[in-house]
Protein backbone atom coordinates (compact mmCIF):
# COMPACT_ATOMS: atom_id res chain seq x y z
CA UNK A 1 198.84 58.19 180.74
CA UNK A 2 201.49 59.92 182.46
CA UNK A 3 201.16 63.61 183.40
CA UNK A 4 204.41 65.71 182.71
CA UNK A 5 204.64 69.22 184.20
CA UNK A 6 206.89 72.25 183.94
CA UNK A 7 205.50 73.83 187.17
CA UNK A 8 209.02 73.31 189.05
CA UNK A 9 210.96 74.81 186.38
CA UNK A 10 208.83 77.84 186.03
CA UNK A 11 208.96 78.21 190.08
CA UNK A 12 212.64 77.86 190.18
CA UNK A 13 213.17 80.56 187.38
CA UNK A 14 211.32 82.93 189.56
CA UNK A 15 213.23 81.98 192.57
CA UNK A 16 210.03 80.84 194.41
CA UNK A 17 209.80 78.30 197.07
CA UNK A 18 207.15 75.55 197.06
CA UNK A 19 205.58 77.20 200.11
CA UNK A 20 205.37 80.65 198.56
CA UNK A 21 203.67 79.12 195.32
CA UNK A 22 201.06 77.36 197.61
CA UNK A 23 200.36 80.46 199.57
CA UNK A 24 199.68 82.24 196.29
CA UNK A 25 197.22 79.74 195.28
CA UNK A 26 195.84 78.66 198.75
CA UNK A 27 197.06 75.05 198.62
CA UNK A 28 199.53 73.27 200.97
CA UNK A 29 203.27 73.03 200.15
CA UNK A 30 202.86 69.15 199.91
CA UNK A 31 200.31 69.73 197.12
CA UNK A 32 202.74 71.60 195.15
CA UNK A 33 205.53 68.94 195.72
CA UNK A 34 203.03 66.21 194.52
CA UNK A 35 202.18 68.31 191.35
CA UNK A 36 205.86 68.70 190.57
CA UNK A 37 206.74 64.98 190.84
CA UNK A 38 203.67 64.19 188.62
CA UNK A 39 201.78 62.37 191.54
CA UNK A 40 198.68 64.70 191.63
CA UNK A 41 196.40 65.71 188.78
CA UNK A 42 195.16 69.38 189.33
CA UNK A 43 191.70 70.48 188.95
CA UNK A 44 191.22 72.77 186.10
CA UNK A 45 190.83 75.72 188.63
CA UNK A 46 193.81 74.89 190.34
CA UNK A 47 196.05 74.76 186.81
CA UNK A 48 194.47 77.84 185.86
CA UNK A 49 195.33 79.49 189.13
CA UNK A 50 199.07 78.34 188.68
CA UNK A 51 199.23 79.47 185.22
CA UNK A 52 198.05 82.98 186.16
CA UNK A 53 200.86 83.14 188.67
CA UNK A 54 203.37 82.38 186.08
CA UNK A 55 201.69 84.31 183.47
CA UNK A 56 201.56 81.33 181.17
CA UNK A 57 199.02 78.89 179.82
CA UNK A 58 197.86 75.52 181.31
CA UNK A 59 199.11 73.85 178.48
CA UNK A 60 202.58 75.27 179.00
CA UNK A 61 202.31 73.70 182.30
CA UNK A 62 200.72 70.40 182.13
CA UNK A 63 200.65 67.83 179.44
CA UNK A 64 199.79 64.09 179.16
CA UNK A 65 201.99 61.34 177.60
CA UNK A 66 199.54 58.67 176.49
CA UNK A 67 201.60 55.77 175.52
CA UNK A 68 198.75 53.54 174.95
CA UNK A 69 196.73 55.84 172.52
CA UNK A 70 196.88 53.87 169.41
CA UNK A 71 193.84 55.45 167.71
CA UNK A 72 194.09 56.13 163.85
CA UNK A 73 194.38 59.75 164.62
CA UNK A 74 197.37 59.43 167.04
CA UNK A 75 199.16 57.28 164.54
CA UNK A 76 198.85 59.98 161.88
CA UNK A 77 200.73 62.34 164.15
CA UNK A 78 203.85 60.12 164.76
């Protein structure tokens, strides 16, 4: 399962630095970098805090690409 994120797109659209976003949500700048690279899965609270900063939804910011999901339900959506 791979996490996809649009945090960087939203951040850059607002002309915001990683450090500025980090300060707004009380995390280190490195955390933002790892989030943007898909190397860190945020807690629900952190995801909600980021969504609030960008006035969007958690689902808009984060999604999972489950390449191994081969359940009947997932096949019906292909």
